[in-house]
Amino acid sequence: MKGRSIAEVATGAIVLAAAGIFLVYAVLQSGRSPQTSGIALTAQFDRIDGLNSGADVRIGGVKIGSVTDLRIDPRTFQAEVAMRVRSDLRLPNDSSAEITSEGLLGGKYVSIVPGGADRLLADGGRITETQGSVSLESLLGRFIFSVTQVNAANAAAAEGSHPAAPPAAPPPATAPAAPQ
């Protein structure tokens, strides 16, 4: 095997450095990096299917923060979501949070619906009104099950009640022949 020249090694190093710079830029500009400043909030959900650390926290579709941690509460066995939101927002303490999908096959995010209370959520506060994620597989399974049940009921009704044959029509009346 022939030895590598200094030019080949330098070219390889430059290519690797450029790839590293692009990778760092992509991660920093993707908007998925966890937010480190703002108000820390938590919320407990029964299901958080598909939600990941770094996911968006939004109000009305506008990103206001990000999910910082996901864990299970060992006492209630519910999923606990920790998040940070912008500190300039004054969220009422009766605000609600739900896990929402970006689309049919899109990622999940936390959607906050502000309440109307006078008291505000403070740093370290907890959102108590929550709605977990809806499983697409579960909905599809329920739909298929209900359609199968309706079809089975219709088939049973059709087999059990054979309609009687319609009454035979009376023979056509013949007019008496005219005398010739």
Protein backbone atom coordinates (compact mmCIF):
# COMPACT_ATOMS: atom_id res chain seq x y z
CA MET A 1 0.00 0.00 0.00
CA LYS A 2 1.35 3.31 -1.02
CA GLY A 3 1.86 5.96 1.68
CA ARG A 4 -0.54 8.89 1.91
CA SER A 5 0.69 12.27 0.89
CA ILE A 6 0.30 15.27 3.15
CA ALA A 7 -2.12 16.83 0.64
CA GLU A 8 -4.51 13.85 0.88
CA VAL A 9 -4.52 13.92 4.68
CA ALA A 10 -5.04 17.69 4.75
CA THR A 11 -7.92 17.43 2.25
CA GLY A 12 -9.58 14.72 4.36
CA ALA A 13 -9.19 16.82 7.51
CA ILE A 14 -10.74 19.86 5.80
CA VAL A 15 -13.70 17.81 4.55
CA LEU A 16 -14.31 16.37 8.05
CA ALA A 17 -14.06 19.83 9.65
CA ALA A 18 -16.54 21.27 7.14
CA ALA A 19 -18.96 18.40 7.80
CA GLY A 20 -18.65 19.01 11.55
CA ILE A 21 -19.37 22.72 11.11
CA PHE A 22 -22.49 21.96 9.03
CA LEU A 23 -23.69 19.46 11.65
CA VAL A 24 -23.30 21.97 14.50
CA TYR A 25 -25.04 24.66 12.46
CA ALA A 26 -27.94 22.34 11.60
CA VAL A 27 -28.47 21.36 15.24
CA LEU A 28 -28.35 24.95 16.47
CA GLN A 29 -30.68 26.26 13.76
CA SER A 30 -33.20 23.42 13.83
CA GLY A 31 -35.19 24.95 16.68
CA ARG A 32 -35.10 21.62 18.50
CA SER A 33 -32.46 22.57 21.02
CA PRO A 34 -33.94 22.69 24.53
CA GLN A 35 -34.71 26.11 25.91
CA THR A 36 -32.57 26.94 28.94
CA SER A 37 -34.19 30.21 30.03
CA GLY A 38 -37.75 31.03 30.98
CA ILE A 39 -40.33 29.67 33.38
CA ALA A 40 -40.10 25.98 34.31
CA LEU A 41 -43.48 24.23 34.30
CA THR A 42 -44.60 20.63 34.73
CA ALA A 43 -47.73 18.74 33.74
CA GLN A 44 -48.87 15.14 34.19
CA PHE A 45 -50.50 13.18 31.37
CA ASP A 46 -51.96 9.69 31.10
CA ARG A 47 -50.31 9.20 27.67
CA ILE A 48 -47.53 11.07 25.86
CA ASP A 49 -47.07 8.75 22.87
CA GLY A 50 -44.53 10.21 20.44
CA LEU A 51 -43.56 13.25 22.54
CA ASN A 52 -39.79 13.70 22.87
CA SER A 53 -37.50 15.89 24.89
CA GLY A 54 -36.87 19.06 22.89
CA ALA A 55 -40.37 19.07 21.38
CA ASP A 56 -42.13 22.41 20.99
CA VAL A 57 -44.47 23.99 23.51
CA ARG A 58 -46.98 26.18 21.65
CA ILE A 59 -49.88 28.53 22.18
CA GLY A 60 -52.11 28.94 19.14
CA GLY A 61 -49.46 27.29 16.96
CA VAL A 62 -46.69 29.71 17.97
CA LYS A 63 -43.65 28.21 19.68
CA ILE A 64 -43.22 29.61 23.20
CA GLY A 65 -40.88 27.03 24.70
CA SER A 66 -39.72 23.43 24.65
CA VAL A 67 -40.02 20.17 26.53
CA THR A 68 -36.97 19.68 28.76
CA ASP A 69 -37.61 16.30 30.40
CA LEU A 70 -39.95 13.30 30.35
CA ARG A 71 -40.32 10.91 33.28
CA ILE A 72 -42.78 8.68 35.13
CA ASP A 73 -44.17 9.74 38.48
CA PRO A 74 -43.51 6.64 40.66
CA ARG A 75 -46.49 7.44 42.87
CA THR A 76 -49.21 7.92 40.22
CA PHE A 77 -47.55 6.15 37.26
CA GLN A 78 -48.46 9.06 35.03
CA ALA A 79 -46.07 10.61 32.54
CA GLU A 80 -44.65 13.88 33.82
CA VAL A 81 -43.52 16.46 31.28
CA ALA A 82 -41.13 19.23 32.29
CA MET A 83 -41.00 22.26 30.01
CA ARG A 84 -39.67 25.79 29.82
CA VAL A 85 -41.70 28.63 28.37
CA ARG A 86 -40.88 32.27 27.71
CA SER A 87 -40.78 34.33 30.88
CA ASP A 88 -42.52 37.31 29.27
CA LEU A 89 -45.75 35.30 28.99
CA ARG A 90 -48.10 35.52 31.95
CA LEU A 91 -49.97 32.21 31.95
CA PRO A 92 -53.03 31.95 34.21
CA ASN A 93 -52.91 29.06 36.71
CA ASP A 94 -56.03 27.47 35.19
CA SER A 95 -54.35 27.03 31.79
CA SER A 96 -54.59 23.60 30.22
CA ALA A 97 -52.08 21.53 28.24
CA GLU A 98 -52.62 18.81 25.66
CA ILE A 99 -50.38 16.61 23.54
CA THR A 100 -51.14 17.45 19.91
CA SER A 101 -49.89 16.08 16.61
CA GLU A 102 -48.38 18.28 13.90
CA GLY A 103 -50.22 16.21 11.31
CA LEU A 104 -51.21 12.67 10.47
CA LEU A 105 -47.61 11.46 10.47
CA GLY A 106 -45.98 14.49 12.11
CA GLY A 107 -44.32 14.82 15.47
CA LYS A 108 -46.02 15.68 18.74
CA TYR A 109 -45.89 18.90 20.72
CA VAL A 110 -47.46 20.36 23.87
CA SER A 111 -50.24 22.85 23.17
CA ILE A 112 -51.12 25.20 26.01
CA VAL A 113 -54.54 26.84 26.15
CA PRO A 114 -54.44 29.86 28.48
CA GLY A 115 -57.17 30.05 31.09
CA GLY A 116 -58.91 33.10 32.50
CA ALA A 117 -57.86 33.12 36.16
CA ASP A 118 -56.29 36.14 37.83
CA ARG A 119 -53.57 34.06 39.52
CA LEU A 120 -50.55 33.25 37.35
CA LEU A 121 -48.31 30.20 37.01
CA ALA A 122 -44.97 30.88 38.68
CA ASP A 123 -41.58 29.34 37.97
CA GLY A 124 -41.84 25.68 39.01
CA GLY A 125 -45.63 25.71 38.65
CA ARG A 126 -47.79 22.79 37.58
CA ILE A 127 -50.47 22.72 34.87
CA THR A 128 -53.22 20.54 36.32
CA GLU A 129 -55.71 20.44 33.44
CA THR A 130 -54.22 18.08 30.84
CA GLN A 131 -55.24 15.88 27.94
CA GLY A 132 -52.92 13.12 26.81
CA SER A 133 -52.12 12.15 23.25
CA VAL A 134 -54.62 10.29 21.13
CA SER A 135 -53.27 7.08 19.65
CA LEU A 136 -54.00 6.84 15.94
CA GLU A 137 -53.75 3.04 16.14
CA SER A 138 -56.32 2.95 18.94
CA LEU A 139 -58.76 5.15 17.01
CA LEU A 140 -58.35 3.06 13.88
CA GLY A 141 -58.90 -0.14 15.88
CA ARG A 142 -62.09 1.23 17.44
CA PHE A 143 -63.38 2.32 14.03
CA ILE A 144 -62.73 -1.09 12.46
CA PHE A 145 -64.33 -2.83 15.45
CA SER A 146 -67.46 -0.66 15.27
CA VAL A 147 -67.82 -1.16 11.50
CA THR A 148 -67.43 -4.92 11.97
CA GLN A 149 -70.11 -4.90 14.69
CA VAL A 150 -72.53 -2.90 12.51
CA ASN A 151 -71.96 -5.25 9.56
CA ALA A 152 -72.51 -8.30 11.77
CA ALA A 153 -75.73 -6.83 13.18
CA ASN A 154 -77.00 -6.02 9.69
CA ALA A 155 -76.19 -9.54 8.47
CA ALA A 156 -77.97 -11.11 11.46
CA ALA A 157 -81.02 -8.95 10.89
CA ALA A 158 -81.10 -9.90 7.22
CA GLU A 159 -80.86 -13.64 8.01
CA GLY A 160 -83.48 -13.57 10.76
CA SER A 161 -86.17 -11.74 8.88
CA HIS A 162 -86.62 -13.16 5.43
CA PRO A 163 -89.31 -11.06 3.91
CA ALA A 164 -92.31 -13.05 2.78
CA ALA A 165 -92.76 -13.42 -0.93
CA PRO A 166 -94.85 -10.62 -2.29
CA PRO A 167 -98.45 -11.63 -2.92
CA ALA A 168 -99.06 -12.90 -6.37
CA ALA A 169 -100.68 -10.42 -8.62
CA PRO A 170 -104.21 -11.38 -9.68
CA PRO A 171 -104.48 -12.60 -13.25
CA PRO A 172 -105.28 -9.87 -15.68
CA ALA A 173 -108.98 -9.46 -16.18
CA THR A 174 -110.08 -10.33 -19.62
CA ALA A 175 -112.75 -8.29 -21.17
CA PRO A 176 -115.73 -10.27 -22.48
CA ALA A 177 -115.54 -10.79 -26.15
CA ALA A 178 -117.72 -8.54 -28.13
CA PRO A 179 -120.49 -10.29 -30.04
CA GLN A 180 -119.93 -10.52 -33.70
